[in-house]
Amino acid sequence: MKRILLFIAVSISLLGCEGNGVESIDPGTIEIRLKIINRGFINSDRFDLTVQSLKIERNDNAYADIFDNIHSLRDNPDSYNIFSDSLFVIGESYIPEGNFKKLLIMFSPPDSMTYNNRMISVTKPPSFDGLYELDYDIQTAANRRIIVTVACKIDSILTKKIDHFEYSHNFFIDRIELN
């Protein structure tokens, strides 16, 4: 009986509490877009570029993961046929306030592509590293949306050789929008 009374007393006191005295700060959001500038390739061509992970680095060197969309609980690799469209949303997440200095994208290009209805091999330089870093300076704030557009010219990431294409990272920050 004493336990039941104690439980009721504790429950009533907890119901009367309005919080723990700590105010949480609403996070901002960040959206990462990939813009494709296509020259010389057609929609029937196919090159599936995989984004393995997205991260942003704060000025104090702390990282924040950027997932596929605002509702994701974890990161999943996503592939994009970069010949099929000119703009892709490759990540969207909540992010804390702070000064961010770098966007880190882990790309995984395929070993082959469809070009003029033929399968063509794709090579990478011997020193290839899938991680690509883009420096920028962004101040994030609560309830603020930031859209970062990363762009590439297809003919600068895929260089045509005699019997294959060579892939190399060549991306740049095209635009940063603060809403």
C-alpha atoms as a PDB file:
ATOM      1  CA  MET A   1       0.000   0.000   0.000  1.00  0.00           C
ATOM      2  CA  LYS A   2       2.881   2.358   0.860  1.00  0.00           C
ATOM      3  CA  ARG A   3       4.356   1.713  -2.604  1.00  0.00           C
ATOM      4  CA  ILE A   4       1.081   2.618  -4.297  1.00  0.00           C
ATOM      5  CA  LEU A   5       0.807   5.862  -2.324  1.00  0.00           C
ATOM      6  CA  LEU A   6       4.452   6.701  -3.088  1.00  0.00           C
ATOM      7  CA  PHE A   7       3.839   6.024  -6.804  1.00  0.00           C
ATOM      8  CA  ILE A   8       0.761   8.291  -6.803  1.00  0.00           C
ATOM      9  CA  ALA A   9       2.624  11.079  -4.987  1.00  0.00           C
ATOM     10  CA  VAL A  10       5.578  10.933  -7.394  1.00  0.00           C
ATOM     11  CA  SER A  11       3.240  10.841 -10.413  1.00  0.00           C
ATOM     12  CA  ILE A  12       1.313  13.889  -9.208  1.00  0.00           C
ATOM     13  CA  SER A  13       4.509  15.838  -8.561  1.00  0.00           C
ATOM     14  CA  LEU A  14       5.875  14.973 -12.012  1.00  0.00           C
ATOM     15  CA  LEU A  15       2.638  16.029 -13.687  1.00  0.00           C
ATOM     16  CA  GLY A  16       2.917  19.421 -12.005  1.00  0.00           C
ATOM     17  CA  CYS A  17       6.420  20.034 -13.422  1.00  0.00           C
ATOM     18  CA  GLU A  18       6.583  22.117 -16.580  1.00  0.00           C
ATOM     19  CA  GLY A  19      10.087  21.177 -17.626  1.00  0.00           C
ATOM     20  CA  ASN A  20      13.607  20.687 -16.468  1.00  0.00           C
ATOM     21  CA  GLY A  21      14.579  24.350 -16.631  1.00  0.00           C
ATOM     22  CA  VAL A  22      16.682  23.860 -19.765  1.00  0.00           C
ATOM     23  CA  GLU A  23      15.441  25.430 -22.978  1.00  0.00           C
ATOM     24  CA  SER A  24      16.313  23.576 -26.136  1.00  0.00           C
ATOM     25  CA  ILE A  25      17.346  25.561 -29.183  1.00  0.00           C
ATOM     26  CA  ASP A  26      15.523  24.804 -32.381  1.00  0.00           C
ATOM     27  CA  PRO A  27      17.961  23.467 -34.966  1.00  0.00           C
ATOM     28  CA  GLY A  28      18.432  24.825 -38.431  1.00  0.00           C
ATOM     29  CA  THR A  29      18.313  22.668 -41.539  1.00  0.00           C
ATOM     30  CA  ILE A  30      20.720  22.169 -44.382  1.00  0.00           C
ATOM     31  CA  GLU A  31      19.967  20.842 -47.855  1.00  0.00           C
ATOM     32  CA  ILE A  32      22.712  19.743 -50.215  1.00  0.00           C
ATOM     33  CA  ARG A  33      21.974  19.763 -53.942  1.00  0.00           C
ATOM     34  CA  LEU A  34      24.069  18.389 -56.781  1.00  0.00           C
ATOM     35  CA  LYS A  35      23.841  20.461 -59.960  1.00  0.00           C
ATOM     36  CA  ILE A  36      24.986  18.867 -63.210  1.00  0.00           C
ATOM     37  CA  ILE A  37      26.211  20.926 -66.123  1.00  0.00           C
ATOM     38  CA  ASN A  38      25.984  18.540 -69.073  1.00  0.00           C
ATOM     39  CA  ARG A  39      27.823  18.993 -72.317  1.00  0.00           C
ATOM     40  CA  GLY A  40      28.056  16.265 -74.918  1.00  0.00           C
ATOM     41  CA  PHE A  41      26.059  13.507 -73.232  1.00  0.00           C
ATOM     42  CA  ILE A  42      22.458  12.521 -73.899  1.00  0.00           C
ATOM     43  CA  ASN A  43      19.658  11.224 -71.651  1.00  0.00           C
ATOM     44  CA  SER A  44      20.076   7.635 -72.880  1.00  0.00           C
ATOM     45  CA  ASP A  45      23.665   7.660 -71.583  1.00  0.00           C
ATOM     46  CA  ARG A  46      24.034   6.427 -68.007  1.00  0.00           C
ATOM     47  CA  PHE A  47      26.583   7.140 -65.285  1.00  0.00           C
ATOM     48  CA  ASP A  48      25.427   6.214 -61.761  1.00  0.00           C
ATOM     49  CA  LEU A  49      27.445   8.286 -59.318  1.00  0.00           C
ATOM     50  CA  THR A  50      26.994   7.029 -55.749  1.00  0.00           C
ATOM     51  CA  VAL A  51      27.099   9.378 -52.778  1.00  0.00           C
ATOM     52  CA  GLN A  52      28.290   7.223 -49.872  1.00  0.00           C
ATOM     53  CA  SER A  53      28.155   9.907 -47.189  1.00  0.00           C
ATOM     54  CA  LEU A  54      27.839  13.638 -46.546  1.00  0.00           C
ATOM     55  CA  LYS A  55      29.279  15.494 -43.583  1.00  0.00           C
ATOM     56  CA  ILE A  56      29.901  19.093 -42.645  1.00  0.00           C
ATOM     57  CA  GLU A  57      32.773  20.217 -40.484  1.00  0.00           C
ATOM     58  CA  ARG A  58      32.459  22.996 -37.944  1.00  0.00           C
ATOM     59  CA  ASN A  59      35.274  25.464 -37.178  1.00  0.00           C
ATOM     60  CA  ASP A  60      36.088  23.513 -33.997  1.00  0.00           C
ATOM     61  CA  ASN A  61      36.561  20.375 -36.188  1.00  0.00           C
ATOM     62  CA  ALA A  62      33.342  18.690 -34.985  1.00  0.00           C
ATOM     63  CA  TYR A  63      31.360  16.905 -37.667  1.00  0.00           C
ATOM     64  CA  ALA A  64      27.653  16.641 -38.386  1.00  0.00           C
ATOM     65  CA  ASP A  65      26.229  13.955 -40.676  1.00  0.00           C
ATOM     66  CA  ILE A  66      23.846  14.964 -43.427  1.00  0.00           C
ATOM     67  CA  PHE A  67      21.406  12.184 -44.257  1.00  0.00           C
ATOM     68  CA  ASP A  68      19.276  11.494 -47.341  1.00  0.00           C
ATOM     69  CA  ASN A  69      16.343  13.493 -46.046  1.00  0.00           C
ATOM     70  CA  ILE A  70      15.156  15.283 -42.937  1.00  0.00           C
ATOM     71  CA  HIS A  71      13.357  12.150 -41.635  1.00  0.00           C
ATOM     72  CA  SER A  72      16.262   9.688 -42.034  1.00  0.00           C
ATOM     73  CA  LEU A  73      17.673   8.002 -38.964  1.00  0.00           C
ATOM     74  CA  ARG A  74      20.846   6.845 -40.672  1.00  0.00           C
ATOM     75  CA  ASP A  75      22.815   7.388 -43.829  1.00  0.00           C
ATOM     76  CA  ASN A  76      22.264   5.191 -46.875  1.00  0.00           C
ATOM     77  CA  PRO A  77      24.316   5.363 -50.066  1.00  0.00           C
ATOM     78  CA  ASP A  78      22.308   6.724 -52.991  1.00  0.00           C
ATOM     79  CA  SER A  79      23.125   6.509 -56.702  1.00  0.00           C
ATOM     80  CA  TYR A  80      22.228   9.187 -59.221  1.00  0.00           C
ATOM     81  CA  ASN A  81      22.295   8.835 -62.995  1.00  0.00           C
ATOM     82  CA  ILE A  82      23.854  12.221 -63.585  1.00  0.00           C
ATOM     83  CA  PHE A  83      22.813  12.226 -67.252  1.00  0.00           C
ATOM     84  CA  SER A  84      19.108  11.959 -66.404  1.00  0.00           C
ATOM     85  CA  ASP A  85      18.599  15.342 -64.732  1.00  0.00           C
ATOM     86  CA  SER A  86      20.394  18.573 -63.938  1.00  0.00           C
ATOM     87  CA  LEU A  87      19.614  18.899 -60.207  1.00  0.00           C
ATOM     88  CA  PHE A  88      19.462  16.331 -57.400  1.00  0.00           C
ATOM     89  CA  VAL A  89      18.834  16.757 -53.673  1.00  0.00           C
ATOM     90  CA  ILE A  90      21.516  14.474 -52.211  1.00  0.00           C
ATOM     91  CA  GLY A  91      21.092  15.286 -48.520  1.00  0.00           C
ATOM     92  CA  GLU A  92      18.998  17.110 -45.968  1.00  0.00           C
ATOM     93  CA  SER A  93      19.355  17.202 -42.183  1.00  0.00           C
ATOM     94  CA  TYR A  94      18.867  19.212 -39.050  1.00  0.00           C
ATOM     95  CA  ILE A  95      22.053  20.965 -37.983  1.00  0.00           C
ATOM     96  CA  PRO A  96      23.089  22.797 -34.836  1.00  0.00           C
ATOM     97  CA  GLU A  97      24.041  26.457 -34.681  1.00  0.00           C
ATOM     98  CA  GLY A  98      27.638  27.221 -35.464  1.00  0.00           C
ATOM     99  CA  ASN A  99      30.237  28.246 -37.998  1.00  0.00           C
ATOM    100  CA  PHE A 100      30.869  25.547 -40.562  1.00  0.00           C
ATOM    101  CA  LYS A 101      33.931  25.510 -42.791  1.00  0.00           C
ATOM    102  CA  LYS A 102      33.850  22.387 -44.927  1.00  0.00           C
ATOM    103  CA  LEU A 103      31.562  20.001 -46.766  1.00  0.00           C
ATOM    104  CA  LEU A 104      32.834  16.416 -47.052  1.00  0.00           C
ATOM    105  CA  ILE A 105      31.323  14.146 -49.705  1.00  0.00           C
ATOM    106  CA  MET A 106      32.285  10.528 -50.237  1.00  0.00           C
ATOM    107  CA  PHE A 107      31.712   9.670 -53.912  1.00  0.00           C
ATOM    108  CA  SER A 108      31.888   6.211 -55.439  1.00  0.00           C
ATOM    109  CA  PRO A 109      31.924   6.277 -59.253  1.00  0.00           C
ATOM    110  CA  PRO A 110      31.036   3.098 -61.173  1.00  0.00           C
ATOM    111  CA  ASP A 111      33.535   0.998 -63.119  1.00  0.00           C
ATOM    112  CA  SER A 112      31.494   1.315 -66.302  1.00  0.00           C
ATOM    113  CA  MET A 113      28.896   3.531 -67.941  1.00  0.00           C
ATOM    114  CA  THR A 114      26.533   3.478 -70.902  1.00  0.00           C
ATOM    115  CA  TYR A 115      27.690   5.781 -73.675  1.00  0.00           C
ATOM    116  CA  ASN A 116      26.083   5.792 -77.145  1.00  0.00           C
ATOM    117  CA  ASN A 117      24.238   2.563 -76.230  1.00  0.00           C
ATOM    118  CA  ARG A 118      27.501   0.747 -75.394  1.00  0.00           C
ATOM    119  CA  MET A 119      29.068  -0.237 -72.094  1.00  0.00           C
ATOM    120  CA  ILE A 120      32.338   1.656 -71.683  1.00  0.00           C
ATOM    121  CA  SER A 121      34.777   1.173 -68.822  1.00  0.00           C
ATOM    122  CA  VAL A 122      35.497   3.994 -66.400  1.00  0.00           C
ATOM    123  CA  THR A 123      38.891   4.255 -64.723  1.00  0.00           C
ATOM    124  CA  LYS A 124      40.103   6.352 -61.823  1.00  0.00           C
ATOM    125  CA  PRO A 125      43.553   7.831 -61.264  1.00  0.00           C
ATOM    126  CA  PRO A 126      45.913   5.609 -59.234  1.00  0.00           C
ATOM    127  CA  SER A 127      45.841   8.048 -56.320  1.00  0.00           C
ATOM    128  CA  PHE A 128      42.033   8.238 -56.321  1.00  0.00           C
ATOM    129  CA  ASP A 129      40.352   8.927 -52.978  1.00  0.00           C
ATOM    130  CA  GLY A 130      36.552   8.893 -52.831  1.00  0.00           C
ATOM    131  CA  LEU A 131      36.461  11.661 -50.217  1.00  0.00           C
ATOM    132  CA  TYR A 132      36.075  15.136 -51.668  1.00  0.00           C
ATOM    133  CA  GLU A 133      36.341  18.277 -49.525  1.00  0.00           C
ATOM    134  CA  LEU A 134      34.759  21.606 -50.405  1.00  0.00           C
ATOM    135  CA  ASP A 135      35.741  24.606 -48.301  1.00  0.00           C
ATOM    136  CA  TYR A 136      33.181  27.293 -47.518  1.00  0.00           C
ATOM    137  CA  ASP A 137      32.147  29.513 -44.636  1.00  0.00           C
ATOM    138  CA  ILE A 138      28.574  29.238 -43.378  1.00  0.00           C
ATOM    139  CA  GLN A 139      27.028  30.567 -40.185  1.00  0.00           C
ATOM    140  CA  THR A 140      24.036  28.462 -39.172  1.00  0.00           C
ATOM    141  CA  ALA A 141      21.276  29.588 -36.836  1.00  0.00           C
ATOM    142  CA  ALA A 142      18.170  28.190 -35.184  1.00  0.00           C
ATOM    143  CA  ASN A 143      15.152  27.902 -37.482  1.00  0.00           C
ATOM    144  CA  ARG A 144      17.238  28.864 -40.511  1.00  0.00           C
ATOM    145  CA  ARG A 145      17.425  26.855 -43.732  1.00  0.00           C
ATOM    146  CA  ILE A 146      20.633  26.701 -45.738  1.00  0.00           C
ATOM    147  CA  ILE A 147      20.745  25.308 -49.263  1.00  0.00           C
ATOM    148  CA  VAL A 148      24.191  24.476 -50.617  1.00  0.00           C
ATOM    149  CA  THR A 149      24.422  23.688 -54.321  1.00  0.00           C
ATOM    150  CA  VAL A 150      27.472  21.672 -55.339  1.00  0.00           C
ATOM    151  CA  ALA A 151      28.050  21.662 -59.085  1.00  0.00           C
ATOM    152  CA  CYS A 152      30.155  19.862 -61.656  1.00  0.00           C
ATOM    153  CA  LYS A 153      30.613  19.961 -65.375  1.00  0.00           C
ATOM    154  CA  ILE A 154      30.285  16.414 -66.626  1.00  0.00           C
ATOM    155  CA  ASP A 155      33.047  16.848 -69.182  1.00  0.00           C
ATOM    156  CA  SER A 156      35.410  17.866 -66.358  1.00  0.00           C
ATOM    157  CA  ILE A 157      34.725  14.764 -64.220  1.00  0.00           C
ATOM    158  CA  LEU A 158      34.592  12.324 -67.166  1.00  0.00           C
ATOM    159  CA  THR A 159      37.455  12.670 -69.600  1.00  0.00           C
ATOM    160  CA  LYS A 160      37.125  10.688 -72.814  1.00  0.00           C
ATOM    161  CA  LYS A 161      40.123   8.525 -73.664  1.00  0.00           C
ATOM    162  CA  ILE A 162      40.584   6.249 -76.700  1.00  0.00           C
ATOM    163  CA  ASP A 163      38.537   3.313 -75.387  1.00  0.00           C
ATOM    164  CA  HIS A 164      37.289   4.410 -71.968  1.00  0.00           C
ATOM    165  CA  PHE A 165      36.494   7.385 -69.750  1.00  0.00           C
ATOM    166  CA  GLU A 166      38.560   8.535 -66.812  1.00  0.00           C
ATOM    167  CA  TYR A 167      36.747   9.827 -63.745  1.00  0.00           C
ATOM    168  CA  SER A 168      38.178  12.505 -61.466  1.00  0.00           C
ATOM    169  CA  HIS A 169      36.592  14.684 -58.829  1.00  0.00           C
ATOM    170  CA  ASN A 170      35.999  18.225 -60.006  1.00  0.00           C
ATOM    171  CA  PHE A 171      33.175  19.758 -57.990  1.00  0.00           C
ATOM    172  CA  PHE A 172      32.673  23.294 -56.742  1.00  0.00           C
ATOM    173  CA  ILE A 173      30.264  25.252 -54.563  1.00  0.00           C
ATOM    174  CA  ASP A 174      27.934  26.911 -57.029  1.00  0.00           C
ATOM    175  CA  ARG A 175      25.589  28.661 -54.623  1.00  0.00           C
ATOM    176  CA  ILE A 176      24.693  29.049 -50.953  1.00  0.00           C
ATOM    177  CA  GLU A 177      21.183  30.248 -50.114  1.00  0.00           C
ATOM    178  CA  LEU A 178      20.174  31.342 -46.623  1.00  0.00           C
ATOM    179  CA  ASN A 179      16.458  31.308 -45.860  1.00  0.00           C
END
